[in-house]
C-alpha atoms as a PDB file:
ATOM      1  CA  MET A   1    -110.856 -50.805-138.804  1.00  0.00           C
ATOM      2  CA  ASP A   2    -113.798 -52.950-137.762  1.00  0.00           C
ATOM      3  CA  LEU A   3    -114.002 -52.614-133.983  1.00  0.00           C
ATOM      4  CA  GLY A   4    -115.963 -55.851-133.691  1.00  0.00           C
ATOM      5  CA  ILE A   5    -118.725 -54.478-131.468  1.00  0.00           C
ATOM      6  CA  ALA A   6    -121.638 -54.110-133.883  1.00  0.00           C
ATOM      7  CA  GLY A   7    -124.827 -55.334-132.267  1.00  0.00           C
ATOM      8  CA  LYS A   8    -123.595 -54.766-128.702  1.00  0.00           C
ATOM      9  CA  TRP A   9    -125.624 -52.636-126.303  1.00  0.00           C
ATOM     10  CA  ALA A  10    -124.109 -49.541-124.696  1.00  0.00           C
ATOM     11  CA  LEU A  11    -125.272 -47.234-121.932  1.00  0.00           C
ATOM     12  CA  VAL A  12    -123.778 -43.776-122.387  1.00  0.00           C
ATOM     13  CA  CYS A  13    -124.317 -41.241-119.608  1.00  0.00           C
ATOM     14  CA  GLY A  14    -124.297 -37.482-119.971  1.00  0.00           C
ATOM     15  CA  ALA A  15    -124.751 -38.038-123.688  1.00  0.00           C
ATOM     16  CA  SER A  16    -126.913 -35.113-124.730  1.00  0.00           C
ATOM     17  CA  LYS A  17    -123.859 -33.041-125.701  1.00  0.00           C
ATOM     18  CA  GLY A  18    -120.106 -32.702-125.317  1.00  0.00           C
ATOM     19  CA  LEU A  19    -117.855 -35.683-124.674  1.00  0.00           C
ATOM     20  CA  GLY A  20    -120.703 -38.029-123.802  1.00  0.00           C
ATOM     21  CA  PHE A  21    -122.404 -37.306-127.101  1.00  0.00           C
ATOM     22  CA  GLY A  22    -119.105 -37.815-128.915  1.00  0.00           C
ATOM     23  CA  CYS A  23    -118.828 -41.289-127.365  1.00  0.00           C
ATOM     24  CA  ALA A  24    -122.408 -42.194-128.254  1.00  0.00           C
ATOM     25  CA  GLN A  25    -121.941 -41.008-131.823  1.00  0.00           C
ATOM     26  CA  ALA A  26    -118.740 -43.011-132.310  1.00  0.00           C
ATOM     27  CA  LEU A  27    -120.364 -46.165-130.935  1.00  0.00           C
ATOM     28  CA  VAL A  28    -123.501 -45.793-133.044  1.00  0.00           C
ATOM     29  CA  ARG A  29    -121.367 -45.418-136.138  1.00  0.00           C
ATOM     30  CA  GLU A  30    -119.800 -48.775-135.252  1.00  0.00           C
ATOM     31  CA  GLY A  31    -123.218 -50.397-135.231  1.00  0.00           C
ATOM     32  CA  VAL A  32    -123.609 -50.407-131.459  1.00  0.00           C
ATOM     33  CA  ASN A  33    -127.107 -50.035-130.023  1.00  0.00           C
ATOM     34  CA  VAL A  34    -127.100 -47.188-127.516  1.00  0.00           C
ATOM     35  CA  LEU A  35    -129.232 -45.982-124.670  1.00  0.00           C
ATOM     36  CA  ILE A  36    -128.313 -42.401-123.911  1.00  0.00           C
ATOM     37  CA  VAL A  37    -129.212 -40.631-120.699  1.00  0.00           C
ATOM     38  CA  ALA A  38    -129.004 -37.025-119.506  1.00  0.00           C
ATOM     39  CA  ARG A  39    -131.001 -34.665-117.340  1.00  0.00           C
ATOM     40  CA  GLY A  40    -132.211 -32.204-119.962  1.00  0.00           C
ATOM     41  CA  ALA A  41    -135.123 -33.867-121.755  1.00  0.00           C
ATOM     42  CA  GLU A  42    -135.311 -31.550-124.759  1.00  0.00           C
ATOM     43  CA  VAL A  43    -131.579 -31.464-125.446  1.00  0.00           C
ATOM     44  CA  LEU A  44    -131.420 -35.250-125.001  1.00  0.00           C
ATOM     45  CA  LYS A  45    -134.297 -35.773-127.405  1.00  0.00           C
ATOM     46  CA  ALA A  46    -132.512 -33.609-129.976  1.00  0.00           C
ATOM     47  CA  ALA A  47    -129.300 -35.598-129.470  1.00  0.00           C
ATOM     48  CA  ALA A  48    -131.161 -38.877-130.035  1.00  0.00           C
ATOM     49  CA  LYS A  49    -132.677 -37.458-133.216  1.00  0.00           C
ATOM     50  CA  THR A  50    -129.218 -36.442-134.435  1.00  0.00           C
ATOM     51  CA  LEU A  51    -127.836 -39.905-133.758  1.00  0.00           C
ATOM     52  CA  LYS A  52    -130.726 -41.566-135.556  1.00  0.00           C
ATOM     53  CA  GLY A  53    -130.239 -39.280-138.524  1.00  0.00           C
ATOM     54  CA  ASP A  54    -126.478 -39.804-138.721  1.00  0.00           C
ATOM     55  CA  ALA A  55    -125.677 -40.976-142.238  1.00  0.00           C
ATOM     56  CA  ALA A  56    -122.804 -43.078-140.873  1.00  0.00           C
ATOM     57  CA  ARG A  57    -125.093 -45.047-138.531  1.00  0.00           C
ATOM     58  CA  PRO A  58    -125.862 -48.579-139.719  1.00  0.00           C
ATOM     59  CA  LYS A  59    -129.637 -48.939-139.899  1.00  0.00           C
ATOM     60  CA  SER A  60    -129.477 -51.883-137.516  1.00  0.00           C
ATOM     61  CA  ALA A  61    -128.133 -49.712-134.662  1.00  0.00           C
ATOM     62  CA  GLU A  62    -130.888 -48.696-132.263  1.00  0.00           C
ATOM     63  CA  VAL A  63    -130.952 -45.418-130.343  1.00  0.00           C
ATOM     64  CA  LEU A  64    -132.961 -45.160-127.125  1.00  0.00           C
ATOM     65  CA  HIS A  65    -132.999 -42.267-124.678  1.00  0.00           C
ATOM     66  CA  VAL A  66    -134.023 -41.790-121.061  1.00  0.00           C
ATOM     67  CA  ALA A  67    -134.209 -38.342-119.487  1.00  0.00           C
ATOM     68  CA  GLY A  68    -133.117 -38.465-115.879  1.00  0.00           C
ATOM     69  CA  ASP A  69    -130.396 -37.773-113.358  1.00  0.00           C
ATOM     70  CA  ILE A  70    -128.088 -40.791-113.414  1.00  0.00           C
ATOM     71  CA  THR A  71    -126.578 -39.669-110.101  1.00  0.00           C
ATOM     72  CA  THR A  72    -129.829 -40.507-108.302  1.00  0.00           C
ATOM     73  CA  VAL A  73    -131.380 -43.847-107.392  1.00  0.00           C
ATOM     74  CA  GLU A  74    -134.492 -42.851-109.328  1.00  0.00           C
ATOM     75  CA  GLY A  75    -132.515 -41.930-112.427  1.00  0.00           C
ATOM     76  CA  ARG A  76    -130.662 -45.247-112.473  1.00  0.00           C
ATOM     77  CA  ALA A  77    -133.905 -47.147-111.893  1.00  0.00           C
ATOM     78  CA  ALA A  78    -135.462 -45.411-114.907  1.00  0.00           C
ATOM     79  CA  VAL A  79    -132.555 -46.502-117.101  1.00  0.00           C
ATOM     80  CA  PHE A  80    -132.575 -50.120-115.953  1.00  0.00           C
ATOM     81  CA  ALA A  81    -136.349 -50.274-116.332  1.00  0.00           C
ATOM     82  CA  VAL A  82    -135.815 -49.761-120.059  1.00  0.00           C
ATOM     83  CA  ARG A  83    -132.906 -52.209-120.341  1.00  0.00           C
ATOM     84  CA  LYS A  84    -131.115 -54.221-117.683  1.00  0.00           C
ATOM     85  CA  ASP A  85    -128.091 -55.667-119.467  1.00  0.00           C
ATOM     86  CA  PHE A  86    -125.358 -53.736-121.251  1.00  0.00           C
ATOM     87  CA  ASP A  87    -122.140 -54.847-122.910  1.00  0.00           C
ATOM     88  CA  ILE A  88    -120.629 -51.364-122.752  1.00  0.00           C
ATOM     89  CA  VAL A  89    -121.085 -48.682-120.094  1.00  0.00           C
ATOM     90  CA  VAL A  90    -119.700 -45.171-120.407  1.00  0.00           C
ATOM     91  CA  THR A  91    -120.026 -43.330-117.103  1.00  0.00           C
ATOM     92  CA  ASN A  92    -120.071 -39.563-117.245  1.00  0.00           C
ATOM     93  CA  ALA A  93    -121.453 -36.927-114.906  1.00  0.00           C
ATOM     94  CA  GLY A  94    -121.015 -33.198-114.973  1.00  0.00           C
ATOM     95  CA  GLY A  95    -118.026 -32.101-112.954  1.00  0.00           C
ATOM     96  CA  PRO A  96    -118.456 -30.127-109.739  1.00  0.00           C
ATOM     97  CA  PRO A  97    -118.075 -26.359-109.915  1.00  0.00           C
ATOM     98  CA  PRO A  98    -114.681 -24.688-109.634  1.00  0.00           C
ATOM     99  CA  GLY A  99    -113.854 -22.552-106.656  1.00  0.00           C
ATOM    100  CA  ASP A 100    -111.843 -22.107-103.472  1.00  0.00           C
ATOM    101  CA  PHE A 101    -111.760 -25.117-101.139  1.00  0.00           C
ATOM    102  CA  ARG A 102    -112.341 -22.779 -98.198  1.00  0.00           C
ATOM    103  CA  ASP A 103    -115.849 -22.141 -99.484  1.00  0.00           C
ATOM    104  CA  TRP A 104    -116.932 -25.797 -99.801  1.00  0.00           C
ATOM    105  CA  ASP A 105    -118.939 -27.288 -96.969  1.00  0.00           C
ATOM    106  CA  ARG A 106    -119.647 -30.955 -96.322  1.00  0.00           C
ATOM    107  CA  ASP A 107    -122.700 -30.950 -98.575  1.00  0.00           C
ATOM    108  CA  ALA A 108    -120.618 -29.729-101.523  1.00  0.00           C
ATOM    109  CA  TRP A 109    -118.122 -32.537-100.994  1.00  0.00           C
ATOM    110  CA  ILE A 110    -120.824 -35.204-100.620  1.00  0.00           C
ATOM    111  CA  LYS A 111    -122.500 -34.034-103.825  1.00  0.00           C
ATOM    112  CA  ALA A 112    -119.179 -34.183-105.722  1.00  0.00           C
ATOM    113  CA  VAL A 113    -118.303 -37.637-104.406  1.00  0.00           C
ATOM    114  CA  ASP A 114    -121.821 -38.931-105.075  1.00  0.00           C
ATOM    115  CA  ALA A 115    -121.785 -37.790-108.707  1.00  0.00           C
ATOM    116  CA  ASN A 116    -118.180 -38.427-109.690  1.00  0.00           C
ATOM    117  CA  MET A 117    -117.243 -41.463-107.601  1.00  0.00           C
ATOM    118  CA  LEU A 118    -120.235 -43.301-106.160  1.00  0.00           C
ATOM    119  CA  THR A 119    -122.464 -43.093-109.256  1.00  0.00           C
ATOM    120  CA  PRO A 120    -119.915 -44.797-111.537  1.00  0.00           C
ATOM    121  CA  ILE A 121    -119.406 -47.454-108.858  1.00  0.00           C
ATOM    122  CA  GLU A 122    -123.165 -48.085-108.703  1.00  0.00           C
ATOM    123  CA  LEU A 123    -123.294 -48.442-112.491  1.00  0.00           C
ATOM    124  CA  ILE A 124    -120.373 -50.867-112.424  1.00  0.00           C
ATOM    125  CA  LYS A 125    -122.083 -52.906-109.690  1.00  0.00           C
ATOM    126  CA  ALA A 126    -125.301 -53.064-111.689  1.00  0.00           C
ATOM    127  CA  THR A 127    -123.737 -54.281-114.943  1.00  0.00           C
ATOM    128  CA  VAL A 128    -120.365 -55.964-114.431  1.00  0.00           C
ATOM    129  CA  ASP A 129    -121.577 -59.424-113.371  1.00  0.00           C
ATOM    130  CA  GLY A 130    -123.805 -59.701-116.430  1.00  0.00           C
ATOM    131  CA  MET A 131    -120.872 -58.724-118.621  1.00  0.00           C
ATOM    132  CA  ALA A 132    -118.680 -61.354-116.981  1.00  0.00           C
ATOM    133  CA  ALA A 133    -121.338 -64.046-117.439  1.00  0.00           C
ATOM    134  CA  ARG A 134    -121.550 -63.245-121.156  1.00  0.00           C
ATOM    135  CA  GLY A 135    -117.757 -63.113-121.530  1.00  0.00           C
ATOM    136  CA  PHE A 136    -117.497 -59.534-122.779  1.00  0.00           C
ATOM    137  CA  GLY A 137    -117.685 -56.135-121.153  1.00  0.00           C
ATOM    138  CA  ARG A 138    -116.235 -52.670-121.500  1.00  0.00           C
ATOM    139  CA  ILE A 139    -116.614 -49.976-118.852  1.00  0.00           C
ATOM    140  CA  ILE A 140    -115.222 -46.535-119.598  1.00  0.00           C
ATOM    141  CA  ASN A 141    -115.262 -43.837-116.933  1.00  0.00           C
ATOM    142  CA  ILE A 142    -114.896 -40.301-118.240  1.00  0.00           C
ATOM    143  CA  THR A 143    -112.856 -38.605-115.525  1.00  0.00           C
ATOM    144  CA  SER A 144    -110.364 -35.773-116.032  1.00  0.00           C
ATOM    145  CA  SER A 145    -106.723 -35.060-116.762  1.00  0.00           C
ATOM    146  CA  ALA A 146    -106.805 -33.292-113.380  1.00  0.00           C
ATOM    147  CA  VAL A 147    -106.510 -36.765-111.811  1.00  0.00           C
ATOM    148  CA  LYS A 148    -102.874 -36.794-113.000  1.00  0.00           C
ATOM    149  CA  ALA A 149    -102.224 -33.056-112.956  1.00  0.00           C
ATOM    150  CA  PRO A 150    -104.568 -31.422-110.420  1.00  0.00           C
ATOM    151  CA  ILE A 151    -105.967 -27.973-111.142  1.00  0.00           C
ATOM    152  CA  ASP A 152    -106.186 -25.743-108.089  1.00  0.00           C
ATOM    153  CA  ILE A 153    -109.711 -24.408-108.682  1.00  0.00           C
ATOM    154  CA  LEU A 154    -111.080 -27.913-109.367  1.00  0.00           C
ATOM    155  CA  GLY A 155    -110.491 -29.343-105.908  1.00  0.00           C
ATOM    156  CA  LEU A 156    -113.897 -31.030-105.708  1.00  0.00           C
ATOM    157  CA  SER A 157    -113.258 -32.792-109.004  1.00  0.00           C
ATOM    158  CA  ASN A 158    -109.652 -33.627-108.111  1.00  0.00           C
ATOM    159  CA  GLY A 159    -110.748 -35.347-104.924  1.00  0.00           C
ATOM    160  CA  ALA A 160    -113.866 -37.188-106.087  1.00  0.00           C
ATOM    161  CA  ARG A 161    -112.413 -38.441-109.364  1.00  0.00           C
ATOM    162  CA  SER A 162    -109.201 -39.569-107.681  1.00  0.00           C
ATOM    163  CA  GLY A 163    -111.327 -41.708-105.377  1.00  0.00           C
ATOM    164  CA  LEU A 164    -112.928 -43.381-108.390  1.00  0.00           C
ATOM    165  CA  THR A 165    -109.499 -43.895-109.943  1.00  0.00           C
ATOM    166  CA  GLY A 166    -108.290 -45.760-106.879  1.00  0.00           C
ATOM    167  CA  PHE A 167    -111.396 -47.947-106.833  1.00  0.00           C
ATOM    168  CA  VAL A 168    -111.073 -48.835-110.512  1.00  0.00           C
ATOM    169  CA  ALA A 169    -107.398 -49.711-110.086  1.00  0.00           C
ATOM    170  CA  GLY A 170    -108.438 -52.515-107.779  1.00  0.00           C
ATOM    171  CA  VAL A 171    -111.665 -53.837-109.258  1.00  0.00           C
ATOM    172  CA  ALA A 172    -110.339 -53.874-112.840  1.00  0.00           C
ATOM    173  CA  ARG A 173    -107.700 -56.358-111.722  1.00  0.00           C
ATOM    174  CA  SER A 174    -110.125 -58.694-109.962  1.00  0.00           C
ATOM    175  CA  LYS A 175    -111.370 -61.983-111.439  1.00  0.00           C
ATOM    176  CA  ILE A 176    -113.576 -60.182-113.964  1.00  0.00           C
ATOM    177  CA  ALA A 177    -110.441 -59.426-115.991  1.00  0.00           C
ATOM    178  CA  ALA A 178    -110.227 -63.120-116.923  1.00  0.00           C
ATOM    179  CA  GLN A 179    -113.890 -63.078-117.948  1.00  0.00           C
ATOM    180  CA  GLY A 180    -113.501 -60.623-120.813  1.00  0.00           C
ATOM    181  CA  VAL A 181    -114.366 -57.466-118.879  1.00  0.00           C
ATOM    182  CA  THR A 182    -112.146 -54.394-118.896  1.00  0.00           C
ATOM    183  CA  ILE A 183    -112.515 -51.167-116.947  1.00  0.00           C
ATOM    184  CA  ASN A 184    -110.579 -48.091-117.999  1.00  0.00           C
ATOM    185  CA  ASN A 185    -110.690 -44.374-117.345  1.00  0.00           C
ATOM    186  CA  LEU A 186    -110.550 -41.775-120.100  1.00  0.00           C
ATOM    187  CA  LEU A 187    -108.932 -38.556-118.888  1.00  0.00           C
ATOM    188  CA  PRO A 188    -109.859 -35.596-121.077  1.00  0.00           C
ATOM    189  CA  GLY A 189    -107.732 -32.510-121.088  1.00  0.00           C
ATOM    190  CA  ALA A 190    -109.014 -29.297-122.628  1.00  0.00           C
ATOM    191  CA  PHE A 191    -111.857 -30.055-125.025  1.00  0.00           C
ATOM    192  CA  ASP A 192    -114.133 -27.509-126.649  1.00  0.00           C
ATOM    193  CA  THR A 193    -117.141 -28.153-124.397  1.00  0.00           C
ATOM    194  CA  ASP A 194    -119.479 -26.214-122.139  1.00  0.00           C
ATOM    195  CA  ARG A 195    -117.557 -27.598-119.155  1.00  0.00           C
ATOM    196  CA  LEU A 196    -114.332 -26.012-120.408  1.00  0.00           C
ATOM    197  CA  LYS A 197    -116.071 -22.684-120.952  1.00  0.00           C
ATOM    198  CA  GLY A 198    -117.420 -22.816-117.400  1.00  0.00           C
ATOM    199  CA  THR A 199    -113.981 -23.505-115.966  1.00  0.00           C
ATOM    200  CA  MET A 200    -112.473 -20.706-118.020  1.00  0.00           C
ATOM    201  CA  ALA A 201    -115.213 -18.355-116.839  1.00  0.00           C
ATOM    202  CA  GLY A 202    -114.268 -19.228-113.251  1.00  0.00           C
ATOM    203  CA  ALA A 203    -110.623 -18.482-113.970  1.00  0.00           C
ATOM    204  CA  ALA A 204    -111.578 -15.202-115.617  1.00  0.00           C
ATOM    205  CA  LYS A 205    -113.586 -14.175-112.578  1.00  0.00           C
ATOM    206  CA  LYS A 206    -110.724 -15.081-110.259  1.00  0.00           C
ATOM    207  CA  THR A 207    -108.075 -13.183-112.235  1.00  0.00           C
ATOM    208  CA  GLY A 208    -110.176 -10.345-113.626  1.00  0.00           C
ATOM    209  CA  LYS A 209    -108.992 -11.101-117.167  1.00  0.00           C
ATOM    210  CA  PRO A 210    -111.295 -11.430-120.198  1.00  0.00           C
ATOM    211  CA  ILE A 211    -112.341 -15.020-120.844  1.00  0.00           C
ATOM    212  CA  GLU A 212    -110.992 -14.778-124.405  1.00  0.00           C
ATOM    213  CA  ASP A 213    -107.520 -14.094-123.017  1.00  0.00           C
ATOM    214  CA  ILE A 214    -107.835 -17.017-120.602  1.00  0.00           C
ATOM    215  CA  MET A 215    -108.868 -19.350-123.447  1.00  0.00           C
ATOM    216  CA  GLU A 216    -105.986 -18.290-125.686  1.00  0.00           C
ATOM    217  CA  ALA A 217    -103.474 -18.620-122.866  1.00  0.00           C
ATOM    218  CA  ARG A 218    -104.740 -22.135-122.154  1.00  0.00           C
ATOM    219  CA  LYS A 219    -104.332 -23.156-125.801  1.00  0.00           C
ATOM    220  CA  LYS A 220    -100.703 -22.057-125.686  1.00  0.00           C
ATOM    221  CA  THR A 221    -100.019 -24.532-122.875  1.00  0.00           C
ATOM    222  CA  ILE A 222    -101.078 -27.428-125.104  1.00  0.00           C
ATOM    223  CA  PRO A 223     -98.479 -28.786-127.563  1.00  0.00           C
ATOM    224  CA  ALA A 224    -101.264 -29.290-130.122  1.00  0.00           C
ATOM    225  CA  GLN A 225    -102.015 -25.552-129.767  1.00  0.00           C
ATOM    226  CA  ARG A 226    -105.763 -26.179-129.797  1.00  0.00           C
ATOM    227  CA  PHE A 227    -108.616 -27.712-127.849  1.00  0.00           C
ATOM    228  CA  GLY A 228    -109.784 -31.221-128.592  1.00  0.00           C
ATOM    229  CA  THR A 229    -113.082 -32.118-130.258  1.00  0.00           C
ATOM    230  CA  SER A 230    -115.826 -34.408-129.048  1.00  0.00           C
ATOM    231  CA  GLU A 231    -115.369 -36.508-132.199  1.00  0.00           C
ATOM    232  CA  GLU A 232    -111.728 -37.192-131.299  1.00  0.00           C
ATOM    233  CA  PHE A 233    -112.694 -38.131-127.781  1.00  0.00           C
ATOM    234  CA  GLY A 234    -115.476 -40.400-129.022  1.00  0.00           C
ATOM    235  CA  ALA A 235    -113.059 -42.228-131.309  1.00  0.00           C
ATOM    236  CA  ALA A 236    -110.736 -42.956-128.373  1.00  0.00           C
ATOM    237  CA  CYS A 237    -113.677 -44.190-126.327  1.00  0.00           C
ATOM    238  CA  ALA A 238    -114.931 -46.452-129.127  1.00  0.00           C
ATOM    239  CA  PHE A 239    -111.506 -48.053-129.511  1.00  0.00           C
ATOM    240  CA  LEU A 240    -111.292 -48.826-125.791  1.00  0.00           C
ATOM    241  CA  CYS A 241    -114.731 -50.437-126.123  1.00  0.00           C
ATOM    242  CA  SER A 242    -113.614 -52.567-129.057  1.00  0.00           C
ATOM    243  CA  GLN A 243    -112.656 -56.202-129.349  1.00  0.00           C
ATOM    244  CA  HIS A 244    -109.106 -55.027-130.127  1.00  0.00           C
ATOM    245  CA  ALA A 245    -108.699 -53.386-126.699  1.00  0.00           C
ATOM    246  CA  GLY A 246    -109.224 -56.511-124.638  1.00  0.00           C
ATOM    247  CA  TYR A 247    -105.669 -56.360-123.265  1.00  0.00           C
ATOM    248  CA  ILE A 248    -105.992 -52.756-122.103  1.00  0.00           C
ATOM    249  CA  ASN A 249    -107.350 -52.836-118.574  1.00  0.00           C
ATOM    250  CA  GLY A 250    -107.206 -50.729-115.418  1.00  0.00           C
ATOM    251  CA  GLN A 251    -105.587 -47.846-117.267  1.00  0.00           C
ATOM    252  CA  ASN A 252    -105.914 -44.062-117.147  1.00  0.00           C
ATOM    253  CA  VAL A 253    -105.781 -42.932-120.759  1.00  0.00           C
ATOM    254  CA  LEU A 254    -104.921 -39.268-121.247  1.00  0.00           C
ATOM    255  CA  THR A 255    -106.437 -37.427-124.184  1.00  0.00           C
ATOM    256  CA  ASP A 256    -104.990 -33.966-123.773  1.00  0.00           C
ATOM    257  CA  GLY A 257    -103.032 -32.994-126.877  1.00  0.00           C
ATOM    258  CA  GLY A 258     -99.776 -33.687-125.049  1.00  0.00           C
ATOM    259  CA  ALA A 259    -100.398 -31.173-122.277  1.00  0.00           C
ATOM    260  CA  TYR A 260     -99.400 -33.440-119.401  1.00  0.00           C
ATOM    261  CA  PRO A 261     -95.635 -32.887-118.962  1.00  0.00           C
ATOM    262  CA  GLY A 262     -94.686 -36.095-117.161  1.00  0.00           C
ATOM    263  CA  SER A 263     -93.126 -39.287-118.500  1.00  0.00           C
ATOM    264  CA  PHE A 264     -95.531 -41.548-116.617  1.00  0.00           C
END
């Protein structure tokens, strides 16, 4: 299927590895020009090299990279100094650490909210009016399945990402919807990423069980009986960014192998 977005420009955050990289790779393969950003300069540079060398990438698709912390004013300024206007924005920041809510002070909460709620809002503010003026825009926020089914040790993430979800529910249904701009959230379940391994390590520490046992037990809770891949996640992201997804707006799209047990 031709997604109809070749030649568009995309900003993909947290794209040096994991789900962010999967999104960037899927978009590049569709002929989208991408600017990828992440904090680790060397890993990001390697990711950009991989994208440029991807045999499935049309030669016309450009790949730019900016090393920086997108959750800071300085990091966002560095990105927009390279390019101001984007047709597609994929927001993604590393989730806050797991733990017991009794141990989190105000600073921990502010850091979580700043990264996982306020940063996506700042990126939306910086790009959405330009999208509306051009008559096309796709904003995808990578959040978490924990927004629908909270995980006890991920309280910081549960809270901050739920705040973003509420904000998106309103702004996605504002006048920009009639101007060709959609805003959706992608809610990953258990994917084979460093983030998952970190969460599992936290659970192992809390229970005293080997991490291998924790990982296997988690797989058994998923109807697919496995963890997802970044390629699968990227494909879902690319479709939501496509011309074909123009009537999908303000939604929370679960990608969790069927793990969420509810009907709605």
